[in-house]
Amino acid sequence: MNRYWLYVILSGLLEIVWVSGLKHSDTALEWVGTGIAIAISFLAIVLSSSKLPVGTVYAVFAGLGTGGSVIVEMLLFGEPFKISKIILVAVLLAGVIGLKAVTGEKTREEAV
């Protein structure tokens, strides 16, 4: 795995942080942390999309962020656990993994 995929993963993980921060921040320090997470997340996604296919990058970013946010909300913030949510998150993540698997290692520069 190259570093640009690591940027995508970092960006997706930070999306989980900032989405939760937008919902649960109460203090100025928490809001600043949320803003920093947003900035780093988008910087990482921009860096990765400069070398990887944009559609796949965005799908992986959104899938990790969405699935992770649902799980974090259930585990840390008391969101009701529903098996249907878990199944749908699993389907979403399977789609993201499938996109990653079928996407070639060709970068945007090599494709031109």
N, C-alpha and C. Protein backbone atom coordinates (compact mmCIF):
# COMPACT_ATOMS: atom_id res chain seq x y z
N MET A 1 0.86 -1.17 0.00
CA MET A 1 0.00 0.00 0.00
C MET A 1 0.90 1.23 0.00
N ASN A 2 0.58 2.18 -0.87
CA ASN A 2 1.41 3.37 -0.90
C ASN A 2 0.90 4.43 0.06
N ARG A 3 1.67 5.47 0.22
CA ARG A 3 1.34 6.49 1.22
C ARG A 3 0.06 7.24 0.89
N TYR A 4 -0.33 7.30 -0.37
CA TYR A 4 -1.56 8.02 -0.71
C TYR A 4 -2.79 7.28 -0.20
N TRP A 5 -2.75 5.95 -0.16
CA TRP A 5 -3.85 5.21 0.45
C TRP A 5 -3.85 5.41 1.96
N LEU A 6 -2.68 5.57 2.54
CA LEU A 6 -2.62 5.89 3.98
C LEU A 6 -3.25 7.25 4.25
N TYR A 7 -3.07 8.20 3.34
CA TYR A 7 -3.73 9.51 3.48
C TYR A 7 -5.25 9.35 3.44
N VAL A 8 -5.74 8.48 2.57
CA VAL A 8 -7.19 8.25 2.48
C VAL A 8 -7.70 7.67 3.79
N ILE A 9 -7.00 6.68 4.32
CA ILE A 9 -7.41 6.06 5.58
C ILE A 9 -7.36 7.09 6.72
N LEU A 10 -6.29 7.87 6.80
CA LEU A 10 -6.19 8.92 7.81
C LEU A 10 -7.36 9.90 7.69
N SER A 11 -7.67 10.29 6.47
CA SER A 11 -8.75 11.22 6.23
C SER A 11 -10.10 10.64 6.68
N GLY A 12 -10.33 9.37 6.39
CA GLY A 12 -11.57 8.71 6.83
C GLY A 12 -11.67 8.61 8.33
N LEU A 13 -10.56 8.30 8.99
CA LEU A 13 -10.57 8.23 10.45
C LEU A 13 -10.81 9.61 11.07
N LEU A 14 -10.19 10.62 10.49
CA LEU A 14 -10.41 11.98 10.99
C LEU A 14 -11.84 12.44 10.73
N GLU A 15 -12.46 11.94 9.67
CA GLU A 15 -13.86 12.28 9.43
C GLU A 15 -14.73 11.79 10.58
N ILE A 16 -14.44 10.61 11.09
CA ILE A 16 -15.18 10.10 12.24
C ILE A 16 -15.05 11.06 13.42
N VAL A 17 -13.83 11.55 13.64
CA VAL A 17 -13.58 12.48 14.75
C VAL A 17 -14.35 13.78 14.56
N TRP A 18 -14.26 14.37 13.36
CA TRP A 18 -14.89 15.68 13.21
C TRP A 18 -16.39 15.61 13.10
N VAL A 19 -16.94 14.52 12.57
CA VAL A 19 -18.40 14.38 12.55
C VAL A 19 -18.92 14.28 13.99
N SER A 20 -18.26 13.49 14.81
CA SER A 20 -18.65 13.40 16.21
C SER A 20 -18.45 14.74 16.91
N GLY A 21 -17.37 15.43 16.55
CA GLY A 21 -17.11 16.75 17.14
C GLY A 21 -18.19 17.76 16.79
N LEU A 22 -18.67 17.72 15.56
CA LEU A 22 -19.73 18.65 15.18
C LEU A 22 -21.00 18.43 16.00
N LYS A 23 -21.24 17.18 16.37
CA LYS A 23 -22.45 16.85 17.12
C LYS A 23 -22.29 17.06 18.62
N HIS A 24 -21.10 16.79 19.15
CA HIS A 24 -20.93 16.72 20.60
C HIS A 24 -20.04 17.79 21.21
N SER A 25 -19.47 18.68 20.44
CA SER A 25 -18.58 19.70 21.00
C SER A 25 -19.38 20.71 21.82
N ASP A 26 -18.84 21.03 23.00
CA ASP A 26 -19.49 21.99 23.88
C ASP A 26 -18.59 23.17 24.23
N THR A 27 -17.29 22.94 24.25
CA THR A 27 -16.37 23.99 24.66
C THR A 27 -15.61 24.54 23.45
N ALA A 28 -14.99 25.68 23.65
CA ALA A 28 -14.21 26.28 22.57
C ALA A 28 -13.06 25.37 22.16
N LEU A 29 -12.42 24.72 23.13
CA LEU A 29 -11.31 23.82 22.83
C LEU A 29 -11.78 22.63 21.98
N GLU A 30 -12.95 22.08 22.29
CA GLU A 30 -13.48 20.97 21.49
C GLU A 30 -13.80 21.44 20.07
N TRP A 31 -14.31 22.65 19.93
CA TRP A 31 -14.60 23.19 18.59
C TRP A 31 -13.31 23.43 17.80
N VAL A 32 -12.27 23.89 18.49
CA VAL A 32 -10.98 24.08 17.81
C VAL A 32 -10.43 22.73 17.35
N GLY A 33 -10.53 21.71 18.20
CA GLY A 33 -10.09 20.37 17.82
C GLY A 33 -10.87 19.83 16.64
N THR A 34 -12.17 20.10 16.61
CA THR A 34 -13.00 19.68 15.50
C THR A 34 -12.55 20.38 14.21
N GLY A 35 -12.28 21.67 14.30
CA GLY A 35 -11.81 22.42 13.14
C GLY A 35 -10.47 21.91 12.62
N ILE A 36 -9.58 21.58 13.54
CA ILE A 36 -8.27 21.04 13.14
C ILE A 36 -8.45 19.68 12.46
N ALA A 37 -9.33 18.85 13.01
CA ALA A 37 -9.59 17.54 12.39
C ALA A 37 -10.16 17.70 10.98
N ILE A 38 -11.05 18.67 10.79
CA ILE A 38 -11.61 18.93 9.46
C ILE A 38 -10.49 19.35 8.50
N ALA A 39 -9.65 20.28 8.94
CA ALA A 39 -8.59 20.79 8.07
C ALA A 39 -7.62 19.69 7.66
N ILE A 40 -7.17 18.88 8.62
CA ILE A 40 -6.22 17.81 8.31
C ILE A 40 -6.88 16.75 7.44
N SER A 41 -8.15 16.44 7.73
CA SER A 41 -8.87 15.45 6.94
C SER A 41 -8.96 15.87 5.48
N PHE A 42 -9.34 17.12 5.24
CA PHE A 42 -9.46 17.57 3.85
C PHE A 42 -8.11 17.74 3.18
N LEU A 43 -7.08 18.13 3.92
CA LEU A 43 -5.74 18.19 3.34
C LEU A 43 -5.29 16.80 2.89
N ALA A 44 -5.52 15.80 3.73
CA ALA A 44 -5.13 14.43 3.38
C ALA A 44 -5.91 13.93 2.17
N ILE A 45 -7.20 14.26 2.08
CA ILE A 45 -7.99 13.80 0.94
C ILE A 45 -7.55 14.48 -0.35
N VAL A 46 -7.18 15.75 -0.26
CA VAL A 46 -6.70 16.47 -1.45
C VAL A 46 -5.36 15.89 -1.90
N LEU A 47 -4.46 15.63 -0.96
CA LEU A 47 -3.16 15.04 -1.31
C LEU A 47 -3.34 13.68 -1.97
N SER A 48 -4.22 12.86 -1.41
CA SER A 48 -4.40 11.52 -1.98
C SER A 48 -5.06 11.57 -3.35
N SER A 49 -6.00 12.49 -3.54
CA SER A 49 -6.69 12.54 -4.83
C SER A 49 -5.82 13.14 -5.93
N SER A 50 -4.67 13.69 -5.56
CA SER A 50 -3.76 14.18 -6.59
C SER A 50 -3.04 13.03 -7.30
N LYS A 51 -3.02 11.85 -6.68
CA LYS A 51 -2.31 10.70 -7.27
C LYS A 51 -3.20 9.48 -7.50
N LEU A 52 -4.36 9.43 -6.85
CA LEU A 52 -5.25 8.28 -6.96
C LEU A 52 -6.54 8.68 -7.65
N PRO A 53 -7.31 7.72 -8.17
CA PRO A 53 -8.58 8.04 -8.82
C PRO A 53 -9.55 8.72 -7.85
N VAL A 54 -10.05 9.88 -8.23
CA VAL A 54 -10.86 10.70 -7.34
C VAL A 54 -12.12 9.97 -6.88
N GLY A 55 -12.81 9.31 -7.79
CA GLY A 55 -14.04 8.62 -7.42
C GLY A 55 -13.82 7.54 -6.37
N THR A 56 -12.77 6.78 -6.54
CA THR A 56 -12.46 5.73 -5.58
C THR A 56 -12.02 6.32 -4.25
N VAL A 57 -11.20 7.36 -4.30
CA VAL A 57 -10.75 8.03 -3.08
C VAL A 57 -11.95 8.53 -2.28
N TYR A 58 -12.88 9.19 -2.97
CA TYR A 58 -14.03 9.73 -2.27
C TYR A 58 -14.92 8.62 -1.71
N ALA A 59 -15.10 7.54 -2.46
CA ALA A 59 -15.92 6.42 -1.98
C ALA A 59 -15.32 5.80 -0.73
N VAL A 60 -14.01 5.60 -0.72
CA VAL A 60 -13.34 5.03 0.45
C VAL A 60 -13.44 5.99 1.63
N PHE A 61 -13.17 7.27 1.39
CA PHE A 61 -13.25 8.30 2.43
C PHE A 61 -14.66 8.34 3.04
N ALA A 62 -15.66 8.40 2.20
CA ALA A 62 -17.04 8.49 2.68
C ALA A 62 -17.48 7.19 3.37
N GLY A 63 -17.06 6.06 2.83
CA GLY A 63 -17.41 4.78 3.44
C GLY A 63 -16.81 4.61 4.82
N LEU A 64 -15.53 4.91 4.95
CA LEU A 64 -14.89 4.81 6.26
C LEU A 64 -15.51 5.78 7.25
N GLY A 65 -15.73 7.00 6.80
CA GLY A 65 -16.31 8.00 7.68
C GLY A 65 -17.72 7.66 8.11
N THR A 66 -18.54 7.22 7.18
CA THR A 66 -19.93 6.89 7.49
C THR A 66 -20.01 5.67 8.40
N GLY A 67 -19.35 4.60 7.99
CA GLY A 67 -19.37 3.39 8.80
C GLY A 67 -18.78 3.60 10.17
N GLY A 68 -17.65 4.29 10.21
CA GLY A 68 -17.00 4.56 11.49
C GLY A 68 -17.84 5.45 12.39
N SER A 69 -18.50 6.44 11.81
CA SER A 69 -19.34 7.34 12.61
C SER A 69 -20.51 6.59 13.24
N VAL A 70 -21.12 5.70 12.49
CA VAL A 70 -22.23 4.91 13.02
C VAL A 70 -21.76 4.05 14.18
N ILE A 71 -20.63 3.39 14.01
CA ILE A 71 -20.11 2.51 15.06
C ILE A 71 -19.69 3.31 16.29
N VAL A 72 -18.99 4.43 16.10
CA VAL A 72 -18.56 5.26 17.22
C VAL A 72 -19.76 5.81 17.98
N GLU A 73 -20.78 6.25 17.26
CA GLU A 73 -21.98 6.77 17.92
C GLU A 73 -22.63 5.69 18.79
N MET A 74 -22.65 4.45 18.32
CA MET A 74 -23.24 3.37 19.11
C MET A 74 -22.37 3.00 20.31
N LEU A 75 -21.05 2.95 20.10
CA LEU A 75 -20.16 2.51 21.17
C LEU A 75 -19.91 3.59 22.24
N LEU A 76 -19.78 4.83 21.81
CA LEU A 76 -19.37 5.88 22.75
C LEU A 76 -20.47 6.84 23.17
N PHE A 77 -21.49 7.00 22.35
CA PHE A 77 -22.45 8.05 22.62
C PHE A 77 -23.88 7.56 22.81
N GLY A 78 -24.06 6.27 23.03
CA GLY A 78 -25.36 5.74 23.40
C GLY A 78 -26.40 5.66 22.30
N GLU A 79 -25.99 5.73 21.05
CA GLU A 79 -26.93 5.54 19.94
C GLU A 79 -27.46 4.11 20.03
N PRO A 80 -28.75 3.91 19.83
CA PRO A 80 -29.30 2.56 19.95
C PRO A 80 -28.65 1.58 18.97
N PHE A 81 -28.35 0.40 19.47
CA PHE A 81 -27.76 -0.67 18.63
C PHE A 81 -28.89 -1.35 17.87
N LYS A 82 -28.73 -1.39 16.56
CA LYS A 82 -29.69 -2.10 15.73
C LYS A 82 -28.91 -2.98 14.76
N ILE A 83 -29.31 -4.23 14.68
CA ILE A 83 -28.61 -5.17 13.80
C ILE A 83 -28.70 -4.70 12.35
N SER A 84 -29.80 -4.05 11.99
CA SER A 84 -29.94 -3.57 10.62
C SER A 84 -28.86 -2.53 10.29
N LYS A 85 -28.50 -1.67 11.26
CA LYS A 85 -27.43 -0.69 11.04
C LYS A 85 -26.10 -1.40 10.81
N ILE A 86 -25.83 -2.41 11.61
CA ILE A 86 -24.57 -3.15 11.48
C ILE A 86 -24.50 -3.84 10.11
N ILE A 87 -25.58 -4.44 9.69
CA ILE A 87 -25.60 -5.11 8.39
C ILE A 87 -25.38 -4.10 7.27
N LEU A 88 -26.05 -2.96 7.34
CA LEU A 88 -25.88 -1.94 6.30
C LEU A 88 -24.47 -1.35 6.29
N VAL A 89 -23.88 -1.15 7.46
CA VAL A 89 -22.49 -0.67 7.53
C VAL A 89 -21.56 -1.72 6.92
N ALA A 90 -21.82 -3.00 7.20
CA ALA A 90 -20.99 -4.07 6.64
C ALA A 90 -21.10 -4.10 5.11
N VAL A 91 -22.30 -3.90 4.59
CA VAL A 91 -22.48 -3.86 3.14
C VAL A 91 -21.72 -2.66 2.55
N LEU A 92 -21.84 -1.52 3.21
CA LEU A 92 -21.12 -0.32 2.77
C LEU A 92 -19.61 -0.56 2.75
N LEU A 93 -19.08 -1.12 3.82
CA LEU A 93 -17.64 -1.37 3.88
C LEU A 93 -17.21 -2.42 2.86
N ALA A 94 -18.06 -3.41 2.61
CA ALA A 94 -17.74 -4.40 1.58
C ALA A 94 -17.64 -3.72 0.21
N GLY A 95 -18.53 -2.77 -0.06
CA GLY A 95 -18.46 -2.02 -1.31
C GLY A 95 -17.19 -1.20 -1.42
N VAL A 96 -16.80 -0.57 -0.32
CA VAL A 96 -15.58 0.23 -0.31
C VAL A 96 -14.36 -0.66 -0.54
N ILE A 97 -14.32 -1.79 0.14
CA ILE A 97 -13.20 -2.72 -0.04
C ILE A 97 -13.18 -3.24 -1.47
N GLY A 98 -14.36 -3.52 -2.02
CA GLY A 98 -14.45 -3.97 -3.40
C GLY A 98 -13.92 -2.93 -4.38
N LEU A 99 -14.28 -1.66 -4.16
CA LEU A 99 -13.76 -0.59 -5.02
C LEU A 99 -12.24 -0.52 -4.95
N LYS A 100 -11.71 -0.62 -3.76
CA LYS A 100 -10.26 -0.57 -3.59
C LYS A 100 -9.61 -1.76 -4.30
N ALA A 101 -10.25 -2.92 -4.20
CA ALA A 101 -9.67 -4.12 -4.81
C ALA A 101 -9.65 -4.05 -6.33
N VAL A 102 -10.67 -3.47 -6.94
CA VAL A 102 -10.73 -3.45 -8.40
C VAL A 102 -10.05 -2.22 -9.00
N THR A 103 -9.65 -1.27 -8.17
CA THR A 103 -8.96 -0.09 -8.67
C THR A 103 -7.50 -0.44 -8.88
N GLY A 104 -7.03 -0.22 -10.07
CA GLY A 104 -5.63 -0.51 -10.38
C GLY A 104 -4.70 0.44 -9.66
N GLU A 105 -3.45 0.10 -9.68
CA GLU A 105 -2.44 0.93 -9.04
C GLU A 105 -2.00 2.08 -9.92
N LYS A 106 -2.64 2.24 -11.07
CA LYS A 106 -2.30 3.32 -11.98
C LYS A 106 -2.65 4.66 -11.35
N THR A 107 -1.71 5.58 -11.32
CA THR A 107 -1.99 6.90 -10.80
C THR A 107 -2.57 7.76 -11.90
N ARG A 108 -3.05 8.92 -11.54
CA ARG A 108 -3.64 9.82 -12.52
C ARG A 108 -2.60 10.22 -13.56
N GLU A 109 -1.36 10.44 -13.13
CA GLU A 109 -0.30 10.86 -14.07
C GLU A 109 0.03 9.74 -15.06
N GLU A 110 -0.01 8.49 -14.61
CA GLU A 110 0.28 7.37 -15.50
C GLU A 110 -0.85 7.15 -16.51
N ALA A 111 -2.07 7.48 -16.12
CA ALA A 111 -3.23 7.25 -16.99
C ALA A 111 -3.26 8.21 -18.15
N VAL A 112 -2.60 9.37 -18.02
CA VAL A 112 -2.64 10.38 -19.08
C VAL A 112 -1.64 10.10 -20.15
